[in-house]
Amino acid sequence: MSIGPWEILWIVCGVATLLAGVMATRGKRWLYLGRWAVGILFLVGGATFNFITLVFGEGYDGFADDAHFGWVTDAWGSIVAPHQGVWIGLLIAFEAIVGLLVLSGGRRTQLGYVFVIAFYSALWVFGWFTTVWAALMIPVMVLLLRAERRATSPATPAAEVEAKSTAGVGS
């Protein structure tokens, strides 16, 4: 198996996402790294890759061949494969919108992360590679979402007072 530019992009974005998720509570630069890694992964590694594959590639007939359940393979073969233009077109639109949401910051980033978590939650059924990817990425996406929520929600005065009053306890 050779590693091409798409695989390199996916690996780099995946590693950056993992690192950003683990470090997200340590500062905004990690949040920005997470946004860029996930946004680029969905815009370039997802939407652009799928567009190129749809237009110039061999197609998606065998994508679900390694699925964990026969019904997934059967459904893919009878619903998606014969109408790839429609279904993969919708996938491309979804990935592009999610990528733009994630890159845009604030609550839109949070919404994008919710969509990423939902997408990865559905992706695992397509085989062991996607299962491992989802198992790694879903917790990291939850960490990024949580850090984004904390970064955009102002601290309440009561929470600030409590934090100041307990800061000296036990020191």
Protein backbone atom coordinates (compact mmCIF):
# COMPACT_ATOMS: atom_id res chain seq x y z
CA MET A 1 0.00 0.00 0.00
CA SER A 2 1.44 3.33 -1.02
CA ILE A 3 0.74 6.52 0.83
CA GLY A 4 -0.32 9.37 -1.40
CA PRO A 5 -1.15 13.02 -0.80
CA TRP A 6 -4.70 12.30 0.38
CA GLU A 7 -3.52 9.81 2.99
CA ILE A 8 -0.86 12.27 4.16
CA LEU A 9 -3.50 14.99 4.50
CA TRP A 10 -5.78 12.67 6.50
CA ILE A 11 -2.92 11.55 8.77
CA VAL A 12 -1.68 15.10 9.39
CA CYS A 13 -5.19 16.41 10.08
CA GLY A 14 -5.99 13.39 12.27
CA VAL A 15 -2.84 13.76 14.38
CA ALA A 16 -3.37 17.52 14.67
CA THR A 17 -6.98 16.93 15.75
CA LEU A 18 -5.91 14.40 18.38
CA LEU A 19 -3.25 16.75 19.72
CA ALA A 20 -5.60 19.74 19.72
CA GLY A 21 -8.32 17.78 21.52
CA VAL A 22 -5.98 16.60 24.26
CA MET A 23 -4.48 20.08 24.70
CA ALA A 24 -7.67 22.12 24.13
CA THR A 25 -7.97 23.29 27.73
CA ARG A 26 -4.46 24.75 27.67
CA GLY A 27 -5.14 27.74 25.47
CA LYS A 28 -6.81 29.20 22.42
CA ARG A 29 -4.03 28.19 20.04
CA TRP A 30 -5.05 24.56 20.56
CA LEU A 31 -8.67 25.45 19.80
CA TYR A 32 -7.52 27.13 16.59
CA LEU A 33 -5.40 24.10 15.67
CA GLY A 34 -8.45 21.88 16.21
CA ARG A 35 -10.63 24.12 14.07
CA TRP A 36 -8.11 24.20 11.25
CA ALA A 37 -7.38 20.47 11.37
CA VAL A 38 -11.04 19.44 11.39
CA GLY A 39 -12.11 22.16 8.96
CA ILE A 40 -9.42 21.28 6.42
CA LEU A 41 -10.09 17.57 6.88
CA PHE A 42 -13.76 18.06 6.02
CA LEU A 43 -13.32 20.68 3.28
CA VAL A 44 -10.28 19.25 1.51
CA GLY A 45 -9.94 15.65 2.71
CA GLY A 46 -13.70 15.12 2.59
CA ALA A 47 -15.62 17.37 0.20
CA THR A 48 -12.82 17.98 -2.32
CA PHE A 49 -11.62 14.37 -2.27
CA ASN A 50 -15.14 13.02 -2.74
CA PHE A 51 -15.88 15.52 -5.51
CA ILE A 52 -12.74 14.50 -7.41
CA THR A 53 -13.47 10.81 -6.82
CA LEU A 54 -17.07 11.21 -7.94
CA VAL A 55 -16.16 13.11 -11.11
CA PHE A 56 -12.90 11.40 -12.09
CA GLY A 57 -12.62 8.29 -9.92
CA GLU A 58 -13.78 4.74 -10.10
CA GLY A 59 -16.83 5.37 -7.95
CA TYR A 60 -18.13 4.15 -4.64
CA ASP A 61 -19.63 0.77 -5.51
CA GLY A 62 -17.41 -1.21 -3.12
CA PHE A 63 -17.15 1.28 -0.26
CA ALA A 64 -19.35 -0.80 2.06
CA ASP A 65 -17.88 -4.18 1.13
CA ASP A 66 -15.99 -4.36 4.44
CA ALA A 67 -18.94 -3.23 6.57
CA HIS A 68 -19.51 -5.02 9.86
CA PHE A 69 -23.10 -5.91 8.94
CA GLY A 70 -24.48 -7.41 5.77
CA TRP A 71 -27.45 -5.07 5.79
CA VAL A 72 -25.06 -2.10 5.48
CA THR A 73 -23.40 -3.64 2.43
CA ASP A 74 -26.78 -4.56 0.94
CA ALA A 75 -28.27 -1.11 1.58
CA TRP A 76 -25.22 0.60 0.12
CA GLY A 77 -25.33 -1.59 -2.96
CA SER A 78 -29.04 -1.06 -3.58
CA ILE A 79 -29.47 2.59 -2.50
CA VAL A 80 -26.20 4.51 -2.74
CA ALA A 81 -24.23 2.75 -5.48
CA PRO A 82 -26.87 3.09 -8.22
CA HIS A 83 -27.40 6.78 -7.38
CA GLN A 84 -23.90 7.90 -6.46
CA GLY A 85 -24.31 11.35 -7.96
CA VAL A 86 -27.15 12.16 -5.59
CA TRP A 87 -25.87 10.52 -2.40
CA ILE A 88 -22.20 11.42 -2.76
CA GLY A 89 -23.28 14.89 -3.87
CA LEU A 90 -25.18 15.25 -0.60
CA LEU A 91 -22.13 13.95 1.27
CA ILE A 92 -19.93 16.53 -0.47
CA ALA A 93 -22.35 19.33 0.44
CA PHE A 94 -22.53 18.10 4.06
CA GLU A 95 -18.74 17.90 4.41
CA ALA A 96 -18.25 21.34 2.88
CA ILE A 97 -20.86 22.92 5.18
CA VAL A 98 -19.41 21.20 8.23
CA GLY A 99 -15.88 22.29 7.31
CA LEU A 100 -17.00 25.91 6.90
CA LEU A 101 -18.95 25.81 10.17
CA VAL A 102 -15.95 24.47 12.07
CA LEU A 103 -13.62 27.11 10.61
CA SER A 104 -16.01 30.00 11.27
CA GLY A 105 -15.62 30.10 15.06
CA GLY A 106 -17.97 30.58 17.97
CA ARG A 107 -21.27 28.75 18.11
CA ARG A 108 -20.94 27.77 14.44
CA THR A 109 -17.79 25.80 15.31
CA GLN A 110 -19.71 24.06 18.08
CA LEU A 111 -22.51 23.17 15.69
CA GLY A 112 -19.94 21.88 13.20
CA TYR A 113 -18.39 19.69 15.90
CA VAL A 114 -21.82 18.25 16.75
CA PHE A 115 -22.22 17.32 13.07
CA VAL A 116 -18.71 15.78 13.02
CA ILE A 117 -19.54 13.68 16.09
CA ALA A 118 -22.79 12.52 14.46
CA PHE A 119 -20.97 11.72 11.21
CA TYR A 120 -18.26 9.71 12.95
CA SER A 121 -20.93 7.95 15.03
CA ALA A 122 -22.47 6.65 11.80
CA LEU A 123 -19.17 5.98 10.00
CA TRP A 124 -17.95 3.14 12.23
CA VAL A 125 -20.21 0.52 10.61
CA PHE A 126 -18.26 0.60 7.32
CA GLY A 127 -15.30 -1.51 8.45
CA TRP A 128 -12.43 -1.78 10.87
CA PHE A 129 -10.51 1.25 9.61
CA THR A 130 -13.53 3.51 10.07
CA THR A 131 -14.30 1.88 13.43
CA VAL A 132 -10.81 2.67 14.73
CA TRP A 133 -10.99 6.20 13.29
CA ALA A 134 -14.36 6.83 14.95
CA ALA A 135 -13.20 5.34 18.27
CA LEU A 136 -10.24 7.72 18.29
CA MET A 137 -11.97 10.79 16.96
CA ILE A 138 -15.32 10.87 18.77
CA PRO A 139 -13.82 11.41 22.25
CA VAL A 140 -11.41 13.99 20.83
CA MET A 141 -14.26 15.82 19.11
CA VAL A 142 -16.17 15.84 22.40
CA LEU A 143 -13.12 17.40 24.08
CA LEU A 144 -12.87 20.04 21.36
CA LEU A 145 -16.60 20.77 21.58
CA ARG A 146 -16.40 21.09 25.35
CA ALA A 147 -13.40 23.43 25.13
CA GLU A 148 -15.15 25.56 22.50
CA ARG A 149 -18.23 25.82 24.70
CA ARG A 150 -16.14 26.90 27.66
CA ALA A 151 -14.29 29.44 25.54
CA THR A 152 -17.49 31.08 24.28
CA SER A 153 -19.58 31.02 27.45
CA PRO A 154 -18.83 33.92 29.78
CA ALA A 155 -18.18 32.96 33.36
CA THR A 156 -21.01 33.89 35.66
CA PRO A 157 -20.20 36.23 38.55
CA ALA A 158 -21.15 33.49 41.03
CA ALA A 159 -18.72 31.07 39.40
CA GLU A 160 -15.93 33.68 39.50
CA VAL A 161 -16.54 34.37 43.19
CA GLU A 162 -16.53 30.65 43.97
CA ALA A 163 -13.32 30.13 42.01
CA LYS A 164 -11.60 32.98 43.87
CA SER A 165 -12.80 31.78 47.26
CA THR A 166 -11.60 28.20 46.70
CA ALA A 167 -8.32 29.22 45.06
CA GLY A 168 -6.62 29.67 48.40
CA VAL A 169 -8.10 26.58 50.06
CA GLY A 170 -5.55 23.88 50.72
CA SER A 171 -2.53 25.92 49.61
